[in-house]
Amino acid sequence: MIPKVYIDGKEGTTGLQIYQRLGERRDIELLLIDEEKRKDREERRKFLNAADLVFLCLPDAAAVEAVELVENDRTRIIDASTAHRTAAGWTYGFPELSPAQREAVAGSKRVANPGCHATGFISCIYPLVKAGLLPADADLSCFSLTGYSGGGKKMIAQYEGDEKPLPLFSPGIYALGQEHKHLPEMKAVCKLEKEPVFCPIVADYYKGMATTIPLHMEQLNTVSRLKQVWEALADCYAGQKLVRVAPLGGPESGKLYGNAMAYSNGLELHVAGNDERFTITALFDNLGKGASGAAVQNMNLMLGFEETEGLR
């Protein structure tokens, strides 16, 4: 039987991107609510309970409410909001972290899709902590550059409007109070004792993300050469289809661009520097592996499809 899939919040940026990835597939049946009733609680309840799998592309409070509307033990949920990323009973939807994590996603009925900035940070840091190379109490910092599409429809309208304010032509540093909503999952998933100093930056391009962690070699244990750090990451992600570790040292140009992986569903890690100081940068699409692409990947695992089905 073809599984039924419903996107609650299809009109938002993440929901639309999921719909674009699923719209032409014939191995699922997409349930489409009447546009005039998409905010009707009882109509949504019907669709949420009729589906085999539901994507929640909603604000946090609305996502919590949607979960409460599911009245059966059959419907599986992928929540793209922040609401359940560190909640008990929910599986964190980053299958590349380990074979056990992939199995947990595949078998779960409640999967929390990672945040975009968190995806970049975790992809760099989790393998080092897991391998014992980076202590859990390390003092870490991270800056993460994103295209403006990550801010949703309102921010997209601001950047693409006819009268764009002058400040939007330059990069904007935000979340200055160190309370960004992705910080809790960064700490929890990587099993860190404290959150990193985090500097997110939005810039005047549509999509693409570059998340960078700077490190001194003396912060690490048992390694003294940059190649050893690169090898730890390469070992962690060996054989993965959507996460790749680039050759050591970065591109020949000596530059990394924030939109280099735009329109991709994958993520690429770059290790560059020297045996004293170095950076690890995750390049990916904030709407791809940072949001909708990851959600579809998780759906594929949960429904027993090939992991990259529908992901170009």
Protein backbone atom coordinates (compact mmCIF):
# COMPACT_ATOMS: atom_id res chain seq x y z
CA MET A 1 0.00 0.00 0.00
CA ILE A 2 1.31 3.45 -0.93
CA PRO A 3 1.91 5.51 2.24
CA LYS A 4 -0.09 8.70 2.71
CA VAL A 5 1.92 11.83 3.51
CA TYR A 6 0.61 15.18 4.75
CA ILE A 7 2.53 18.47 5.05
CA ASP A 8 1.04 20.63 7.80
CA GLY A 9 2.25 24.12 6.91
CA LYS A 10 2.89 23.55 3.20
CA GLU A 11 2.65 27.27 2.50
CA GLY A 12 5.80 28.17 4.44
CA THR A 13 9.31 28.10 3.00
CA THR A 14 10.24 24.69 4.43
CA GLY A 15 6.86 23.18 3.56
CA LEU A 16 7.03 24.39 -0.01
CA GLN A 17 10.54 22.98 -0.41
CA ILE A 18 9.38 19.60 0.91
CA TYR A 19 6.41 19.67 -1.45
CA GLN A 20 8.72 20.40 -4.40
CA ARG A 21 10.80 17.35 -3.53
CA LEU A 22 7.74 15.10 -3.17
CA GLY A 23 5.36 16.50 -5.76
CA GLU A 24 6.38 14.21 -8.63
CA ARG A 25 6.92 11.02 -6.65
CA ARG A 26 4.66 8.08 -7.35
CA ASP A 27 5.65 5.96 -4.36
CA ILE A 28 3.69 8.14 -1.92
CA GLU A 29 0.24 9.75 -1.87
CA LEU A 30 0.32 13.41 -0.90
CA LEU A 31 -2.75 14.50 1.06
CA LEU A 32 -3.68 18.08 0.18
CA ILE A 33 -5.96 20.08 2.44
CA ASP A 34 -8.37 22.66 0.99
CA GLU A 35 -6.57 26.02 1.04
CA GLU A 36 -9.55 27.66 2.73
CA LYS A 37 -9.42 25.12 5.56
CA ARG A 38 -5.67 24.83 6.12
CA LYS A 39 -5.95 26.64 9.48
CA ASP A 40 -9.15 24.88 10.53
CA ARG A 41 -8.30 22.81 13.60
CA GLU A 42 -10.79 20.01 12.97
CA GLU A 43 -9.95 19.71 9.28
CA ARG A 44 -6.26 19.51 10.14
CA ARG A 45 -7.05 16.85 12.73
CA LYS A 46 -8.62 14.71 9.98
CA PHE A 47 -5.57 14.98 7.74
CA LEU A 48 -3.08 14.46 10.57
CA ASN A 49 -4.80 11.21 11.53
CA ALA A 50 -5.36 10.02 7.96
CA ALA A 51 -1.66 10.21 7.10
CA ASP A 52 0.97 7.52 7.60
CA LEU A 53 3.59 10.26 7.94
CA VAL A 54 3.23 13.97 8.66
CA PHE A 55 5.67 16.83 8.22
CA LEU A 56 5.15 19.70 10.66
CA CYS A 57 6.38 22.94 9.08
CA LEU A 58 4.95 25.22 11.73
CA PRO A 59 5.96 27.64 14.50
CA ASP A 60 6.89 25.87 17.73
CA ALA A 61 3.58 26.33 19.55
CA ALA A 62 1.58 25.22 16.53
CA ALA A 63 3.80 22.14 16.14
CA VAL A 64 3.15 21.14 19.77
CA GLU A 65 -0.58 21.56 19.16
CA ALA A 66 -0.41 19.47 15.97
CA VAL A 67 1.22 16.59 17.83
CA GLU A 68 -1.62 16.69 20.33
CA LEU A 69 -4.14 16.42 17.48
CA VAL A 70 -2.73 13.04 16.43
CA GLU A 71 -5.00 10.52 18.15
CA ASN A 72 -3.61 7.23 16.87
CA ASP A 73 -0.39 5.27 17.36
CA ARG A 74 0.19 4.82 13.63
CA THR A 75 0.90 8.30 12.25
CA ARG A 76 4.61 9.08 12.21
CA ILE A 77 5.79 12.66 12.57
CA ILE A 78 8.76 14.68 11.36
CA ASP A 79 8.79 18.06 13.12
CA ALA A 80 10.77 20.79 11.35
CA SER A 81 10.26 23.28 14.19
CA THR A 82 12.50 23.78 17.23
CA ALA A 83 9.87 22.41 19.61
CA HIS A 84 11.04 18.80 20.01
CA ARG A 85 14.75 18.74 19.14
CA THR A 86 15.86 18.05 22.69
CA ALA A 87 12.58 16.54 23.91
CA ALA A 88 12.35 13.09 25.46
CA GLY A 89 10.81 10.51 23.17
CA TRP A 90 11.93 12.24 19.99
CA THR A 91 14.75 11.05 17.73
CA TYR A 92 17.17 13.65 16.38
CA GLY A 93 17.02 13.42 12.60
CA PHE A 94 20.71 13.36 11.68
CA PRO A 95 21.24 9.77 10.48
CA GLU A 96 24.87 10.27 9.45
CA LEU A 97 26.04 10.56 13.05
CA SER A 98 26.28 6.78 13.45
CA PRO A 99 24.74 3.51 12.24
CA ALA A 100 22.73 3.44 15.48
CA GLN A 101 21.37 6.93 14.77
CA ARG A 102 20.27 5.87 11.29
CA GLU A 103 18.48 2.84 12.74
CA ALA A 104 16.86 5.03 15.39
CA VAL A 105 15.52 7.42 12.74
CA ALA A 106 14.25 4.57 10.59
CA GLY A 107 12.39 3.00 13.51
CA SER A 108 11.10 6.15 15.17
CA LYS A 109 7.55 7.50 15.15
CA ARG A 110 8.69 10.96 16.29
CA VAL A 111 11.66 12.59 14.54
CA ALA A 112 12.88 16.14 15.16
CA ASN A 113 14.45 17.63 12.05
CA PRO A 114 17.71 19.48 12.89
CA GLY A 115 18.08 23.24 12.68
CA CYS A 116 20.18 24.63 9.84
CA HIS A 117 22.94 26.24 11.91
CA ALA A 118 22.93 23.25 14.24
CA THR A 119 23.40 20.91 11.28
CA GLY A 120 26.61 22.69 10.35
CA PHE A 121 27.98 22.83 13.89
CA ILE A 122 27.10 19.24 14.78
CA SER A 123 28.52 17.83 11.55
CA CYS A 124 31.91 19.34 12.47
CA ILE A 125 32.02 18.82 16.23
CA TYR A 126 30.12 15.60 16.97
CA PRO A 127 32.71 13.26 15.35
CA LEU A 128 35.57 14.85 17.29
CA VAL A 129 33.82 14.53 20.65
CA LYS A 130 32.70 10.99 19.84
CA ALA A 131 36.26 9.98 18.95
CA GLY A 132 37.61 11.45 22.19
CA LEU A 133 39.65 14.08 20.35
CA LEU A 134 37.73 17.07 21.66
CA PRO A 135 36.87 17.27 25.37
CA ALA A 136 33.24 17.85 26.28
CA ASP A 137 34.17 20.93 28.31
CA ALA A 138 35.97 22.64 25.41
CA ASP A 139 35.54 26.39 24.96
CA LEU A 140 34.16 26.57 21.43
CA SER A 141 33.09 29.32 19.09
CA CYS A 142 31.24 29.19 15.82
CA PHE A 143 30.22 31.62 13.12
CA SER A 144 27.62 30.61 10.59
CA LEU A 145 26.82 32.47 7.37
CA THR A 146 23.41 31.93 5.77
CA GLY A 147 21.38 33.19 2.86
CA TYR A 148 18.26 35.16 3.69
CA SER A 149 15.81 32.40 2.71
CA GLY A 150 16.40 30.84 6.12
CA GLY A 151 14.40 33.68 7.66
CA GLY A 152 11.19 32.61 5.94
CA LYS A 153 8.69 34.50 3.84
CA LYS A 154 8.86 37.75 5.80
CA MET A 155 12.64 38.05 5.52
CA ILE A 156 12.60 36.99 1.86
CA ALA A 157 10.10 39.79 1.16
CA GLN A 158 12.37 42.30 2.93
CA TYR A 159 15.41 41.32 0.88
CA GLU A 160 13.59 41.05 -2.44
CA GLY A 161 11.31 44.08 -2.09
CA ASP A 162 11.54 47.08 -4.40
CA GLU A 163 12.59 49.33 -1.51
CA LYS A 164 15.13 47.16 0.27
CA PRO A 165 16.63 49.05 3.25
CA LEU A 166 20.29 49.95 2.80
CA PRO A 167 21.56 47.79 5.74
CA LEU A 168 20.29 44.63 4.00
CA PHE A 169 22.90 45.05 1.27
CA SER A 170 25.58 44.07 3.80
CA PRO A 171 25.95 41.01 6.09
CA GLY A 172 23.94 41.22 9.31
CA ILE A 173 25.11 39.71 12.60
CA TYR A 174 22.18 38.68 14.77
CA ALA A 175 21.25 36.80 17.98
CA LEU A 176 23.78 38.98 19.80
CA GLY A 177 22.47 37.92 23.21
CA GLN A 178 23.81 34.36 22.77
CA GLU A 179 20.30 32.91 23.00
CA HIS A 180 19.85 31.54 19.49
CA LYS A 181 17.24 28.79 19.39
CA HIS A 182 19.66 26.25 17.87
CA LEU A 183 22.13 26.38 20.77
CA PRO A 184 20.39 23.79 22.99
CA GLU A 185 20.53 21.09 20.31
CA MET A 186 24.15 21.93 19.47
CA LYS A 187 25.08 21.29 23.09
CA ALA A 188 22.84 18.27 23.66
CA VAL A 189 23.58 16.31 20.49
CA CYS A 190 27.35 16.84 20.74
CA LYS A 191 27.23 16.03 24.48
CA LEU A 192 29.02 19.25 25.36
CA GLU A 193 29.12 20.68 28.86
CA LYS A 194 28.54 24.23 27.62
CA GLU A 195 27.19 25.94 24.55
CA PRO A 196 29.57 27.55 22.04
CA VAL A 197 29.91 31.27 21.57
CA PHE A 198 27.74 31.54 18.48
CA CYS A 199 27.74 34.23 15.79
CA PRO A 200 25.08 33.72 13.08
CA ILE A 201 25.24 36.03 10.06
CA VAL A 202 22.64 36.59 7.34
CA ALA A 203 23.80 37.96 3.98
CA ASP A 204 22.31 39.27 0.76
CA TYR A 205 22.07 36.03 -1.21
CA TYR A 206 19.13 33.63 -1.40
CA LYS A 207 20.41 30.37 0.04
CA GLY A 208 23.47 28.43 1.02
CA MET A 209 25.27 28.14 4.35
CA ALA A 210 28.85 28.10 5.62
CA THR A 211 29.23 27.12 9.28
CA THR A 212 32.80 27.45 10.59
CA ILE A 213 34.43 26.37 13.85
CA PRO A 214 37.95 27.74 14.55
CA LEU A 215 40.20 25.60 16.76
CA HIS A 216 43.69 25.51 18.24
CA MET A 217 45.30 22.09 18.09
CA GLU A 218 46.05 22.38 21.83
CA GLN A 219 42.28 22.19 22.45
CA LEU A 220 42.30 18.59 21.21
CA ASN A 221 43.47 15.38 22.85
CA THR A 222 45.89 12.76 21.45
CA VAL A 223 46.40 14.47 18.09
CA SER A 224 49.03 16.94 16.95
CA ARG A 225 48.62 17.05 13.17
CA LEU A 226 45.80 18.48 11.09
CA LYS A 227 45.70 15.35 8.96
CA GLN A 228 44.62 13.37 12.04
CA VAL A 229 41.64 15.68 12.51
CA TRP A 230 40.70 15.30 8.85
CA GLU A 231 41.01 11.51 9.15
CA ALA A 232 38.65 11.44 12.13
CA LEU A 233 35.98 13.26 10.13
CA ALA A 234 36.59 11.15 7.03
CA ASP A 235 36.26 7.96 9.07
CA CYS A 236 33.01 9.13 10.65
CA TYR A 237 31.36 9.92 7.33
CA ALA A 238 32.89 7.20 5.16
CA GLY A 239 30.31 5.73 2.80
CA GLN A 240 27.68 8.40 3.43
CA LYS A 241 25.66 9.53 0.43
CA LEU A 242 24.80 13.06 1.54
CA VAL A 243 27.78 14.06 3.71
CA ARG A 244 31.25 14.30 2.20
CA VAL A 245 34.63 15.31 3.63
CA ALA A 246 36.56 17.32 1.04
CA PRO A 247 40.30 16.85 0.50
CA LEU A 248 42.46 18.31 3.27
CA GLY A 249 43.42 21.96 2.91
CA GLY A 250 40.36 23.41 1.21
CA PRO A 251 39.91 24.31 -2.47
CA GLU A 252 42.83 25.41 -4.64
CA SER A 253 41.42 28.94 -4.74
CA GLY A 254 41.90 29.24 -0.98
CA LYS A 255 38.32 30.49 -0.65
CA LEU A 256 35.02 29.04 0.50
CA TYR A 257 31.75 30.61 -0.61
CA GLY A 258 28.53 30.49 1.38
CA ASN A 259 26.40 29.51 -1.61
CA ALA A 260 28.75 26.82 -2.93
CA MET A 261 26.29 24.04 -2.04
CA ALA A 262 23.07 25.93 -2.83
CA TYR A 263 20.43 23.79 -4.59
CA SER A 264 22.06 20.66 -3.18
CA ASN A 265 20.74 18.21 -0.62
CA GLY A 266 24.22 17.29 0.57
CA LEU A 267 26.79 18.69 2.98
CA GLU A 268 30.53 19.10 2.43
CA LEU A 269 33.13 19.47 5.19
CA HIS A 270 36.37 21.40 4.66
CA VAL A 271 39.35 21.18 7.02
CA ALA A 272 42.00 23.87 6.47
CA GLY A 273 44.82 25.54 8.35
CA ASN A 274 47.96 24.11 9.92
CA ASP A 275 49.07 21.92 12.82
CA GLU A 276 48.60 24.80 15.28
CA ARG A 277 45.43 26.59 14.16
CA PHE A 278 42.71 25.42 11.82
CA THR A 279 39.06 25.67 10.83
CA ILE A 280 36.37 23.15 9.99
CA THR A 281 33.65 24.48 7.69
CA ALA A 282 30.40 22.81 6.73
CA LEU A 283 29.01 23.94 3.37
CA PHE A 284 25.40 23.08 2.55
CA ASP A 285 22.07 24.50 1.48
CA ASN A 286 20.13 25.93 4.43
CA LEU A 287 16.91 24.77 2.72
CA GLY A 288 18.42 21.43 1.65
CA LYS A 289 20.42 19.45 4.20
CA GLY A 290 19.65 22.30 6.57
CA ALA A 291 15.88 21.83 6.38
CA SER A 292 13.66 20.27 3.69
CA GLY A 293 16.21 17.94 2.12
CA ALA A 294 17.01 16.49 5.54
CA ALA A 295 13.29 16.08 6.25
CA VAL A 296 12.75 14.10 3.06
CA GLN A 297 15.84 12.00 3.79
CA ASN A 298 14.37 11.17 7.20
CA MET A 299 11.02 10.35 5.62
CA ASN A 300 12.70 7.96 3.20
CA LEU A 301 14.35 6.11 6.07
CA MET A 302 11.17 5.99 8.13
CA LEU A 303 9.06 4.65 5.25
CA GLY A 304 11.64 2.16 4.01
CA PHE A 305 12.61 3.95 0.80
CA GLU A 306 16.14 4.38 -0.52
CA GLU A 307 17.66 7.16 1.57
CA THR A 308 18.24 9.64 -1.27
CA GLU A 309 15.03 8.99 -3.21
CA GLY A 310 13.75 12.29 -4.58
CA LEU A 311 16.91 14.16 -3.54
CA ARG A 312 18.90 15.35 -6.50
